[in-house]
PDB file of N, CA and C in Angstrom:
ATOM      1  N   MET A   1      13.973   3.046   9.140  1.00  0.00           N
ATOM      2  CA  MET A   1      12.823   3.924   9.405  1.00  0.00           C
ATOM      3  C   MET A   1      11.529   3.341   9.539  1.00  0.00           C
ATOM      4  N   THR A   2      10.616   3.325  10.421  1.00  0.00           N
ATOM      5  CA  THR A   2       9.173   2.741   9.834  1.00  0.00           C
ATOM      6  C   THR A   2       8.196   3.650   9.343  1.00  0.00           C
ATOM      7  N   LEU A   3       7.201   3.664   8.801  1.00  0.00           N
ATOM      8  CA  LEU A   3       6.124   4.120   8.505  1.00  0.00           C
ATOM      9  C   LEU A   3       5.665   4.942   9.096  1.00  0.00           C
ATOM     10  N   SER A   4       5.493   4.912  10.762  1.00  0.00           N
ATOM     11  CA  SER A   4       5.156   5.478  11.479  1.00  0.00           C
ATOM     12  C   SER A   4       6.159   6.918  12.045  1.00  0.00           C
ATOM     13  N   ASN A   5       7.153   6.231  11.939  1.00  0.00           N
ATOM     14  CA  ASN A   5       8.380   7.460  12.422  1.00  0.00           C
ATOM     15  C   ASN A   5       8.387   8.347  11.320  1.00  0.00           C
ATOM     16  N   GLN A   6       8.099   8.038   9.689  1.00  0.00           N
ATOM     17  CA  GLN A   6       7.793   8.704   8.951  1.00  0.00           C
ATOM     18  C   GLN A   6       7.068  10.161   8.993  1.00  0.00           C
ATOM     19  N   MET A   7       5.787   9.677   9.614  1.00  0.00           N
ATOM     20  CA  MET A   7       4.630  10.442   9.376  1.00  0.00           C
ATOM     21  C   MET A   7       4.582  11.533  10.759  1.00  0.00           C
ATOM     22  N   ASN A   8       5.826  11.157  11.869  1.00  0.00           N
ATOM     23  CA  ASN A   8       5.616  11.876  13.107  1.00  0.00           C
ATOM     24  C   ASN A   8       4.398  11.446  13.661  1.00  0.00           C
ATOM     25  N   GLU A   9       3.955  10.485  13.645  1.00  0.00           N
ATOM     26  CA  GLU A   9       2.592  10.477  14.344  1.00  0.00           C
ATOM     27  C   GLU A   9       2.504   8.694  14.865  1.00  0.00           C
ATOM     28  N   PRO A  10       1.517   8.319  15.797  1.00  0.00           N
ATOM     29  CA  PRO A  10       1.253   7.104  15.947  1.00  0.00           C
ATOM     30  C   PRO A  10       0.587   6.639  14.854  1.00  0.00           C
ATOM     31  N   MET A  11       0.210   5.373  14.358  1.00  0.00           N
ATOM     32  CA  MET A  11      -0.732   4.635  13.658  1.00  0.00           C
ATOM     33  C   MET A  11      -2.098   3.984  14.360  1.00  0.00           C
ATOM     34  N   SER A  12      -2.860   4.887  14.016  1.00  0.00           N
ATOM     35  CA  SER A  12      -3.948   3.046  14.277  1.00  0.00           C
ATOM     36  C   SER A  12      -4.262   2.726  13.031  1.00  0.00           C
ATOM     37  N   LYS A  13      -4.885   1.242  13.913  1.00  0.00           N
ATOM     38  CA  LYS A  13      -5.492   0.194  12.669  1.00  0.00           C
ATOM     39  C   LYS A  13      -5.940   0.977  11.370  1.00  0.00           C
ATOM     40  N   GLU A  14      -6.931   1.742  11.471  1.00  0.00           N
ATOM     41  CA  GLU A  14      -7.604   2.749   9.777  1.00  0.00           C
ATOM     42  C   GLU A  14      -7.882   3.658  10.527  1.00  0.00           C
ATOM     43  N   ARG A  15      -7.392   4.800   9.483  1.00  0.00           N
ATOM     44  CA  ARG A  15      -7.597   6.214   9.483  1.00  0.00           C
ATOM     45  C   ARG A  15      -8.389   6.642   8.587  1.00  0.00           C
ATOM     46  N   LYS A  16      -9.353   7.408   8.988  1.00  0.00           N
ATOM     47  CA  LYS A  16     -10.523   8.155   8.194  1.00  0.00           C
ATOM     48  C   LYS A  16     -10.230   9.856   7.822  1.00  0.00           C
ATOM     49  N   PRO A  17     -10.256  10.278   6.309  1.00  0.00           N
ATOM     50  CA  PRO A  17      -9.862  11.511   6.610  1.00  0.00           C
ATOM     51  C   PRO A  17     -10.629  12.473   7.503  1.00  0.00           C
ATOM     52  N   ASN A  18      -9.922  13.371   8.078  1.00  0.00           N
ATOM     53  CA  ASN A  18     -10.456  13.798   8.785  1.00  0.00           C
ATOM     54  C   ASN A  18      -9.132  15.406   9.325  1.00  0.00           C
ATOM     55  N   GLY A  19      -9.391  16.239   8.442  1.00  0.00           N
ATOM     56  CA  GLY A  19      -8.518  17.368   8.699  1.00  0.00           C
ATOM     57  C   GLY A  19      -7.144  16.552   7.815  1.00  0.00           C
ATOM     58  N   ASN A  20      -5.848  16.625   8.646  1.00  0.00           N
ATOM     59  CA  ASN A  20      -4.639  16.119   8.164  1.00  0.00           C
ATOM     60  C   ASN A  20      -4.166  14.883   8.301  1.00  0.00           C
ATOM     61  N   HIS A  21      -5.350  13.989   9.001  1.00  0.00           N
ATOM     62  CA  HIS A  21      -4.978  12.514   8.980  1.00  0.00           C
ATOM     63  C   HIS A  21      -5.187  12.027   7.122  1.00  0.00           C
ATOM     64  N   ARG A  22      -4.214  10.776   7.344  1.00  0.00           N
ATOM     65  CA  ARG A  22      -4.586  10.147   6.424  1.00  0.00           C
ATOM     66  C   ARG A  22      -5.222   9.015   6.419  1.00  0.00           C
ATOM     67  N   ARG A  23      -5.719   8.188   5.324  1.00  0.00           N
ATOM     68  CA  ARG A  23      -6.232   6.690   5.499  1.00  0.00           C
ATOM     69  C   ARG A  23      -5.118   6.008   5.540  1.00  0.00           C
ATOM     70  N   PHE A  24      -4.954   5.042   6.216  1.00  0.00           N
ATOM     71  CA  PHE A  24      -3.880   4.212   6.809  1.00  0.00           C
ATOM     72  C   PHE A  24      -4.314   2.765   7.076  1.00  0.00           C
ATOM     73  N   SER A  25      -3.705   1.705   7.249  1.00  0.00           N
ATOM     74  CA  SER A  25      -3.716   0.758   7.816  1.00  0.00           C
ATOM     75  C   SER A  25      -2.471  -0.061   8.304  1.00  0.00           C
ATOM     76  N   GLN A  26      -2.288   0.192   9.472  1.00  0.00           N
ATOM     77  CA  GLN A  26      -1.009  -0.478   9.873  1.00  0.00           C
ATOM     78  C   GLN A  26      -0.997  -2.087   9.471  1.00  0.00           C
ATOM     79  N   GLU A  27      -1.888  -2.774   9.671  1.00  0.00           N
ATOM     80  CA  GLU A  27      -2.433  -4.160   9.278  1.00  0.00           C
ATOM     81  C   GLU A  27      -2.040  -4.468   7.763  1.00  0.00           C
ATOM     82  N   GLN A  28      -2.600  -3.797   7.047  1.00  0.00           N
ATOM     83  CA  GLN A  28      -2.539  -3.775   5.560  1.00  0.00           C
ATOM     84  C   GLN A  28      -0.639  -3.744   5.270  1.00  0.00           C
ATOM     85  N   TYR A  29      -0.062  -2.704   5.834  1.00  0.00           N
ATOM     86  CA  TYR A  29       1.488  -2.315   5.611  1.00  0.00           C
ATOM     87  C   TYR A  29       1.930  -3.342   5.740  1.00  0.00           C
ATOM     88  N   ASP A  30       2.040  -4.318   6.820  1.00  0.00           N
ATOM     89  CA  ASP A  30       2.826  -5.276   7.689  1.00  0.00           C
ATOM     90  C   ASP A  30       2.653  -6.484   6.645  1.00  0.00           C
ATOM     91  N   VAL A  31       1.240  -6.640   6.211  1.00  0.00           N
ATOM     92  CA  VAL A  31       1.328  -7.881   5.295  1.00  0.00           C
ATOM     93  C   VAL A  31       1.888  -7.463   4.154  1.00  0.00           C
ATOM     94  N   LEU A  32       1.863  -6.607   3.134  1.00  0.00           N
ATOM     95  CA  LEU A  32       2.242  -5.819   2.309  1.00  0.00           C
ATOM     96  C   LEU A  32       4.595  -6.486   2.183  1.00  0.00           C
ATOM     97  N   LYS A  33       4.359  -5.409   3.822  1.00  0.00           N
ATOM     98  CA  LYS A  33       5.782  -5.733   3.928  1.00  0.00           C
ATOM     99  C   LYS A  33       6.403  -7.381   3.950  1.00  0.00           C
ATOM    100  N   ARG A  34       5.733  -8.090   4.900  1.00  0.00           N
ATOM    101  CA  ARG A  34       6.232  -9.329   4.774  1.00  0.00           C
ATOM    102  C   ARG A  34       6.486 -10.134   3.518  1.00  0.00           C
ATOM    103  N   CYS A  35       5.065  -9.754   2.552  1.00  0.00           N
ATOM    104  CA  CYS A  35       5.061 -10.534   1.240  1.00  0.00           C
ATOM    105  C   CYS A  35       6.285  -9.936   0.369  1.00  0.00           C
ATOM    106  N   SER A  36       6.645  -8.658   0.680  1.00  0.00           N
ATOM    107  CA  SER A  36       7.334  -8.478  -0.294  1.00  0.00           C
ATOM    108  C   SER A  36       8.918  -8.632  -0.013  1.00  0.00           C
ATOM    109  N   GLU A  37       9.177  -8.783   1.561  1.00  0.00           N
ATOM    110  CA  GLU A  37      10.666  -9.429   1.937  1.00  0.00           C
ATOM    111  C   GLU A  37      10.581 -10.733   1.570  1.00  0.00           C
ATOM    112  N   ARG A  38       9.439 -12.030   0.870  1.00  0.00           N
ATOM    113  CA  ARG A  38       9.374 -12.877   0.851  1.00  0.00           C
ATOM    114  C   ARG A  38       9.370 -12.892  -1.056  1.00  0.00           C
ATOM    115  N   LYS A  39       9.094 -11.646  -1.633  1.00  0.00           N
ATOM    116  CA  LYS A  39       8.897 -11.655  -2.914  1.00  0.00           C
ATOM    117  C   LYS A  39       7.774 -12.995  -3.380  1.00  0.00           C
ATOM    118  N   ASP A  40       6.860 -12.699  -2.307  1.00  0.00           N
ATOM    119  CA  ASP A  40       5.749 -13.842  -2.797  1.00  0.00           C
ATOM    120  C   ASP A  40       4.271 -12.523  -2.260  1.00  0.00           C
ATOM    121  N   MET A  41       3.508 -12.611  -3.142  1.00  0.00           N
ATOM    122  CA  MET A  41       2.122 -11.806  -2.685  1.00  0.00           C
ATOM    123  C   MET A  41       0.989 -12.526  -2.422  1.00  0.00           C
ATOM    124  N   THR A  42       1.603 -14.321  -2.265  1.00  0.00           N
ATOM    125  CA  THR A  42       0.107 -15.167  -1.983  1.00  0.00           C
ATOM    126  C   THR A  42      -0.508 -14.259  -1.080  1.00  0.00           C
ATOM    127  N   GLU A  43      -0.156 -14.539   0.191  1.00  0.00           N
ATOM    128  CA  GLU A  43      -0.633 -13.801   1.562  1.00  0.00           C
ATOM    129  C   GLU A  43      -1.363 -12.748   1.413  1.00  0.00           C
ATOM    130  N   TRP A  44      -0.845 -11.822   0.647  1.00  0.00           N
ATOM    131  CA  TRP A  44      -1.902 -10.520   0.562  1.00  0.00           C
ATOM    132  C   TRP A  44      -2.924 -10.840  -0.668  1.00  0.00           C
ATOM    133  N   ASN A  45      -2.743 -11.579  -1.346  1.00  0.00           N
ATOM    134  CA  ASN A  45      -3.881 -11.981  -2.559  1.00  0.00           C
ATOM    135  C   ASN A  45      -5.001 -12.590  -1.615  1.00  0.00           C
ATOM    136  N   GLN A  46      -4.298 -13.597  -1.066  1.00  0.00           N
ATOM    137  CA  GLN A  46      -5.271 -14.493  -0.177  1.00  0.00           C
ATOM    138  C   GLN A  46      -6.176 -13.600   0.605  1.00  0.00           C
ATOM    139  N   TRP A  47      -6.084 -12.862   1.221  1.00  0.00           N
ATOM    140  CA  TRP A  47      -6.277 -12.046   2.361  1.00  0.00           C
ATOM    141  C   TRP A  47      -7.178 -10.961   1.363  1.00  0.00           C
ATOM    142  N   ARG A  48      -7.333 -10.426   0.222  1.00  0.00           N
ATOM    143  CA  ARG A  48      -7.646  -9.722  -0.435  1.00  0.00           C
ATOM    144  C   ARG A  48      -8.888 -10.279  -1.167  1.00  0.00           C
ATOM    145  N   ARG A  49      -8.844 -11.500  -1.524  1.00  0.00           N
ATOM    146  CA  ARG A  49     -10.177 -12.285  -1.545  1.00  0.00           C
ATOM    147  C   ARG A  49     -11.247 -12.431  -0.760  1.00  0.00           C
ATOM    148  N   LYS A  50     -10.620 -12.684   0.483  1.00  0.00           N
ATOM    149  CA  LYS A  50     -11.440 -13.017   1.695  1.00  0.00           C
ATOM    150  C   LYS A  50     -12.234 -11.662   1.785  1.00  0.00           C
ATOM    151  N   LYS A  51     -11.047 -10.623   2.085  1.00  0.00           N
ATOM    152  CA  LYS A  51     -11.827  -9.384   2.297  1.00  0.00           C
ATOM    153  C   LYS A  51     -12.124  -8.214   1.611  1.00  0.00           C
ATOM    154  N   HIS A  52     -12.436  -8.511   0.126  1.00  0.00           N
ATOM    155  CA  HIS A  52     -13.128  -8.075  -1.258  1.00  0.00           C
ATOM    156  C   HIS A  52     -13.529  -6.602  -0.613  1.00  0.00           C
ATOM    157  N   SER A  53     -14.512  -6.284  -0.156  1.00  0.00           N
ATOM    158  CA  SER A  53     -14.799  -5.425   0.163  1.00  0.00           C
ATOM    159  C   SER A  53     -14.203  -4.612   1.289  1.00  0.00           C
ATOM    160  N   LYS A  54     -13.357  -4.946   1.605  1.00  0.00           N
ATOM    161  CA  LYS A  54     -12.476  -4.085   2.713  1.00  0.00           C
ATOM    162  C   LYS A  54     -11.759  -3.235   2.028  1.00  0.00           C
ATOM    163  N   PRO A  55     -11.976  -1.915   2.443  1.00  0.00           N
ATOM    164  CA  PRO A  55     -11.147  -0.849   1.572  1.00  0.00           C
ATOM    165  C   PRO A  55      -9.513  -0.992   1.875  1.00  0.00           C
ATOM    166  N   ILE A  56      -8.594  -0.524   0.493  1.00  0.00           N
ATOM    167  CA  ILE A  56      -6.853  -1.082   1.106  1.00  0.00           C
ATOM    168  C   ILE A  56      -6.881   0.881   1.017  1.00  0.00           C
ATOM    169  N   LEU A  57      -6.236   0.866   2.557  1.00  0.00           N
ATOM    170  CA  LEU A  57      -5.621   2.389   3.001  1.00  0.00           C
ATOM    171  C   LEU A  57      -4.229   2.322   3.111  1.00  0.00           C
ATOM    172  N   LEU A  58      -3.629   3.198   2.199  1.00  0.00           N
ATOM    173  CA  LEU A  58      -2.307   3.087   2.153  1.00  0.00           C
ATOM    174  C   LEU A  58      -1.818   4.728   1.776  1.00  0.00           C
ATOM    175  N   GLU A  59      -2.732   5.589   2.163  1.00  0.00           N
ATOM    176  CA  GLU A  59      -2.114   6.921   1.755  1.00  0.00           C
ATOM    177  C   GLU A  59      -0.310   7.166   2.284  1.00  0.00           C
ATOM    178  N   GLY A  60      -0.110   8.042   1.548  1.00  0.00           N
ATOM    179  CA  GLY A  60       1.114   8.300   1.926  1.00  0.00           C
ATOM    180  C   GLY A  60       2.348   7.268   2.080  1.00  0.00           C
ATOM    181  N   VAL A  61       2.138   5.841   1.867  1.00  0.00           N
ATOM    182  CA  VAL A  61       3.015   5.113   2.391  1.00  0.00           C
ATOM    183  C   VAL A  61       4.140   4.684   1.388  1.00  0.00           C
ATOM    184  N   ASP A  62       5.414   4.544   1.752  1.00  0.00           N
ATOM    185  CA  ASP A  62       6.090   4.457   1.066  1.00  0.00           C
ATOM    186  C   ASP A  62       6.685   3.006   0.702  1.00  0.00           C
ATOM    187  N   LEU A  63       6.244   2.651  -0.658  1.00  0.00           N
ATOM    188  CA  LEU A  63       6.739   0.807  -0.585  1.00  0.00           C
ATOM    189  C   LEU A  63       7.731   1.092  -2.188  1.00  0.00           C
ATOM    190  N   SER A  64       9.001   2.386  -1.921  1.00  0.00           N
ATOM    191  CA  SER A  64       9.529   2.226  -2.972  1.00  0.00           C
ATOM    192  C   SER A  64      10.832   1.439  -2.900  1.00  0.00           C
ATOM    193  N   GLY A  65      10.726   0.626  -4.188  1.00  0.00           N
ATOM    194  CA  GLY A  65      12.051  -0.639  -4.320  1.00  0.00           C
ATOM    195  C   GLY A  65      11.477  -2.044  -3.804  1.00  0.00           C
ATOM    196  N   GLU A  66      10.206  -1.568  -3.231  1.00  0.00           N
ATOM    197  CA  GLU A  66       9.658  -2.918  -2.649  1.00  0.00           C
ATOM    198  C   GLU A  66       9.034  -3.908  -4.007  1.00  0.00           C
ATOM    199  N   HIS A  67       8.909  -5.113  -3.523  1.00  0.00           N
ATOM    200  CA  HIS A  67       8.687  -6.318  -4.633  1.00  0.00           C
ATOM    201  C   HIS A  67       7.332  -6.906  -3.996  1.00  0.00           C
ATOM    202  N   LEU A  68       6.537  -6.508  -5.157  1.00  0.00           N
ATOM    203  CA  LEU A  68       4.962  -6.576  -5.203  1.00  0.00           C
ATOM    204  C   LEU A  68       4.031  -7.249  -6.435  1.00  0.00           C
ATOM    205  N   GLU A  69       5.401  -7.535  -6.951  1.00  0.00           N
ATOM    206  CA  GLU A  69       5.082  -8.172  -8.160  1.00  0.00           C
ATOM    207  C   GLU A  69       3.391  -9.282  -8.134  1.00  0.00           C
ATOM    208  N   THR A  70       2.486  -9.072  -9.321  1.00  0.00           N
ATOM    209  CA  THR A  70       0.958  -9.574  -8.954  1.00  0.00           C
ATOM    210  C   THR A  70       0.316  -8.967  -7.684  1.00  0.00           C
ATOM    211  N   VAL A  71       0.878  -7.792  -7.094  1.00  0.00           N
ATOM    212  CA  VAL A  71      -0.329  -7.590  -6.362  1.00  0.00           C
ATOM    213  C   VAL A  71      -1.778  -7.201  -6.429  1.00  0.00           C
ATOM    214  N   ASN A  72      -2.604  -7.387  -6.039  1.00  0.00           N
ATOM    215  CA  ASN A  72      -3.928  -6.904  -6.045  1.00  0.00           C
ATOM    216  C   ASN A  72      -4.173  -5.709  -5.131  1.00  0.00           C
ATOM    217  N   PHE A  73      -3.935  -4.513  -5.690  1.00  0.00           N
ATOM    218  CA  PHE A  73      -4.638  -3.263  -5.378  1.00  0.00           C
ATOM    219  C   PHE A  73      -5.785  -2.239  -5.989  1.00  0.00           C
ATOM    220  N   TYR A  74      -6.954  -3.388  -6.379  1.00  0.00           N
ATOM    221  CA  TYR A  74      -7.772  -2.735  -6.892  1.00  0.00           C
ATOM    222  C   TYR A  74      -8.646  -1.951  -6.334  1.00  0.00           C
ATOM    223  N   GLY A  75      -8.849  -0.896  -6.906  1.00  0.00           N
ATOM    224  CA  GLY A  75      -9.336   0.508  -5.682  1.00  0.00           C
ATOM    225  C   GLY A  75      -8.804   0.818  -4.789  1.00  0.00           C
ATOM    226  N   ALA A  76      -7.412   0.850  -4.582  1.00  0.00           N
ATOM    227  CA  ALA A  76      -6.551   0.928  -3.181  1.00  0.00           C
ATOM    228  C   ALA A  76      -6.586   2.276  -3.396  1.00  0.00           C
ATOM    229  N   HIS A  77      -6.756   2.729  -1.721  1.00  0.00           N
ATOM    230  CA  HIS A  77      -6.234   4.156  -1.522  1.00  0.00           C
ATOM    231  C   HIS A  77      -4.636   4.245  -1.657  1.00  0.00           C
ATOM    232  N   LEU A  78      -3.698   4.816  -2.340  1.00  0.00           N
ATOM    233  CA  LEU A  78      -2.754   4.817  -2.715  1.00  0.00           C
ATOM    234  C   LEU A  78      -2.030   6.624  -2.848  1.00  0.00           C
ATOM    235  N   GLU A  79      -2.935   7.687  -2.626  1.00  0.00           N
ATOM    236  CA  GLU A  79      -2.952   8.585  -2.489  1.00  0.00           C
ATOM    237  C   GLU A  79      -1.416   9.037  -1.907  1.00  0.00           C
ATOM    238  N   ASN A  80      -0.257  10.120  -2.521  1.00  0.00           N
ATOM    239  CA  ASN A  80       0.698  10.644  -1.798  1.00  0.00           C
ATOM    240  C   ASN A  80       1.851   9.246  -1.489  1.00  0.00           C
ATOM    241  N   ALA A  81       1.549   7.939  -2.177  1.00  0.00           N
ATOM    242  CA  ALA A  81       2.295   6.897  -2.128  1.00  0.00           C
ATOM    243  C   ALA A  81       3.514   7.117  -2.766  1.00  0.00           C
ATOM    244  N   ASP A  82       4.457   6.728  -2.372  1.00  0.00           N
ATOM    245  CA  ASP A  82       6.064   6.764  -3.107  1.00  0.00           C
ATOM    246  C   ASP A  82       6.067   4.874  -3.046  1.00  0.00           C
ATOM    247  N   LEU A  83       5.777   5.204  -4.891  1.00  0.00           N
ATOM    248  CA  LEU A  83       5.992   3.967  -5.550  1.00  0.00           C
ATOM    249  C   LEU A  83       7.273   3.468  -6.682  1.00  0.00           C
ATOM    250  N   GLN A  84       8.019   4.848  -6.361  1.00  0.00           N
ATOM    251  CA  GLN A  84       9.403   4.680  -7.334  1.00  0.00           C
ATOM    252  C   GLN A  84       9.966   3.466  -7.336  1.00  0.00           C
ATOM    253  N   GLU A  85      10.587   3.057  -8.104  1.00  0.00           N
ATOM    254  CA  GLU A  85      11.128   1.682  -8.265  1.00  0.00           C
ATOM    255  C   GLU A  85      10.563   0.682  -7.562  1.00  0.00           C
ATOM    256  N   THR A  86       9.074   0.519  -7.301  1.00  0.00           N
ATOM    257  CA  THR A  86       8.167  -0.604  -7.021  1.00  0.00           C
ATOM    258  C   THR A  86       8.236  -1.395  -8.126  1.00  0.00           C
ATOM    259  N   HIS A  87       8.399  -2.895  -7.737  1.00  0.00           N
ATOM    260  CA  HIS A  87       8.616  -4.165  -8.773  1.00  0.00           C
ATOM    261  C   HIS A  87       6.921  -4.264  -8.743  1.00  0.00           C
ATOM    262  N   LEU A  88       5.884  -3.598  -9.554  1.00  0.00           N
ATOM    263  CA  LEU A  88       5.039  -4.084  -9.776  1.00  0.00           C
ATOM    264  C   LEU A  88       4.198  -4.930 -10.857  1.00  0.00           C
ATOM    265  N   GLU A  89       5.165  -5.697 -11.793  1.00  0.00           N
ATOM    266  CA  GLU A  89       4.829  -6.645 -12.437  1.00  0.00           C
ATOM    267  C   GLU A  89       3.450  -7.269 -12.616  1.00  0.00           C
ATOM    268  N   ASP A  90       2.548  -7.271 -13.637  1.00  0.00           N
ATOM    269  CA  ASP A  90       1.280  -8.347 -13.563  1.00  0.00           C
ATOM    270  C   ASP A  90       0.565  -7.739 -12.121  1.00  0.00           C
ATOM    271  N   SER A  91       0.514  -6.695 -11.706  1.00  0.00           N
ATOM    272  CA  SER A  91      -0.385  -6.122 -10.734  1.00  0.00           C
ATOM    273  C   SER A  91      -1.282  -5.619 -11.154  1.00  0.00           C
ATOM    274  N   ASN A  92      -2.735  -5.527 -10.133  1.00  0.00           N
ATOM    275  CA  ASN A  92      -3.754  -4.705 -10.699  1.00  0.00           C
ATOM    276  C   ASN A  92      -4.146  -3.537  -9.873  1.00  0.00           C
ATOM    277  N   LEU A  93      -3.804  -2.633 -10.752  1.00  0.00           N
ATOM    278  CA  LEU A  93      -4.119  -1.284  -9.910  1.00  0.00           C
ATOM    279  C   LEU A  93      -5.236  -0.531 -10.828  1.00  0.00           C
ATOM    280  N   SER A  94      -5.898  -1.468 -10.945  1.00  0.00           N
ATOM    281  CA  SER A  94      -7.670  -0.753 -11.876  1.00  0.00           C
ATOM    282  C   SER A  94      -8.030  -0.148 -10.478  1.00  0.00           C
ATOM    283  N   PHE A  95      -8.552   1.208 -10.964  1.00  0.00           N
ATOM    284  CA  PHE A  95      -9.966   2.422  -9.910  1.00  0.00           C
ATOM    285  C   PHE A  95      -8.487   2.406  -8.627  1.00  0.00           C
ATOM    286  N   ALA A  96      -7.422   2.154  -8.664  1.00  0.00           N
ATOM    287  CA  ALA A  96      -6.567   2.555  -7.770  1.00  0.00           C
ATOM    288  C   ALA A  96      -6.781   4.730  -7.484  1.00  0.00           C
ATOM    289  N   HIS A  97      -6.699   4.922  -6.409  1.00  0.00           N
ATOM    290  CA  HIS A  97      -6.488   6.521  -6.401  1.00  0.00           C
ATOM    291  C   HIS A  97      -4.798   6.486  -6.042  1.00  0.00           C
ATOM    292  N   LEU A  98      -4.544   7.352  -7.197  1.00  0.00           N
ATOM    293  CA  LEU A  98      -3.130   7.558  -7.247  1.00  0.00           C
ATOM    294  C   LEU A  98      -2.850   9.070  -7.092  1.00  0.00           C
ATOM    295  N   GLN A  99      -3.693   9.505  -6.447  1.00  0.00           N
ATOM    296  CA  GLN A  99      -3.149  11.370  -6.812  1.00  0.00           C
ATOM    297  C   GLN A  99      -1.949  11.707  -5.895  1.00  0.00           C
ATOM    298  N   ASN A 100      -1.666  11.922  -6.662  1.00  0.00           N
ATOM    299  CA  ASN A 100      -0.111  12.785  -6.019  1.00  0.00           C
ATOM    300  C   ASN A 100       1.193  11.613  -5.721  1.00  0.00           C
ATOM    301  N   ALA A 101       0.787  10.415  -6.415  1.00  0.00           N
ATOM    302  CA  ALA A 101       1.550   9.209  -5.805  1.00  0.00           C
ATOM    303  C   ALA A 101       2.783   9.623  -6.704  1.00  0.00           C
ATOM    304  N   LYS A 102       4.234   8.709  -6.272  1.00  0.00           N
ATOM    305  CA  LYS A 102       5.533   9.255  -7.226  1.00  0.00           C
ATOM    306  C   LYS A 102       5.204   7.633  -7.625  1.00  0.00           C
ATOM    307  N   LEU A 103       5.247   7.750  -8.782  1.00  0.00           N
ATOM    308  CA  LEU A 103       5.272   6.139 -10.145  1.00  0.00           C
ATOM    309  C   LEU A 103       6.596   6.405 -10.868  1.00  0.00           C
ATOM    310  N   SER A 104       7.253   7.324 -10.921  1.00  0.00           N
ATOM    311  CA  SER A 104       8.623   6.958 -11.882  1.00  0.00           C
ATOM    312  C   SER A 104       9.410   6.134 -11.358  1.00  0.00           C
ATOM    313  N   ARG A 105      10.246   5.781 -12.514  1.00  0.00           N
ATOM    314  CA  ARG A 105      11.400   4.730 -12.545  1.00  0.00           C
ATOM    315  C   ARG A 105      10.840   3.442 -11.944  1.00  0.00           C
ATOM    316  N   ASN A 106       9.275   3.219 -12.253  1.00  0.00           N
ATOM    317  CA  ASN A 106       9.112   1.539 -11.795  1.00  0.00           C
ATOM    318  C   ASN A 106       9.662   0.584 -12.800  1.00  0.00           C
ATOM    319  N   ALA A 107       9.431  -0.320 -12.293  1.00  0.00           N
ATOM    320  CA  ALA A 107      10.442  -1.692 -12.966  1.00  0.00           C
ATOM    321  C   ALA A 107       8.813  -2.347 -13.459  1.00  0.00           C
TER     322      ALA A 107
END
């Protein structure tokens, strides 16, 4: 099941808070999924260095069980995200927005 199907609404590239809309970037999600499948965050972290002022918009994302070791989520919007059993060793979550995120059983 894709994230778009999970939320029962089509995803735009970026959403801003407006009523029930979540802040979400399909482009960012796709890069993370590719990196997780390879178990290598190099592509994501290089993108982050180049686009350091661009907000990370991943509200409500399901990243449970993904391999995100060394991911740079500095200041990321991860409200309502599912990060259960996500591999986050040596990751940067400084100033990340984690309201109502599911964090239990993280590796």
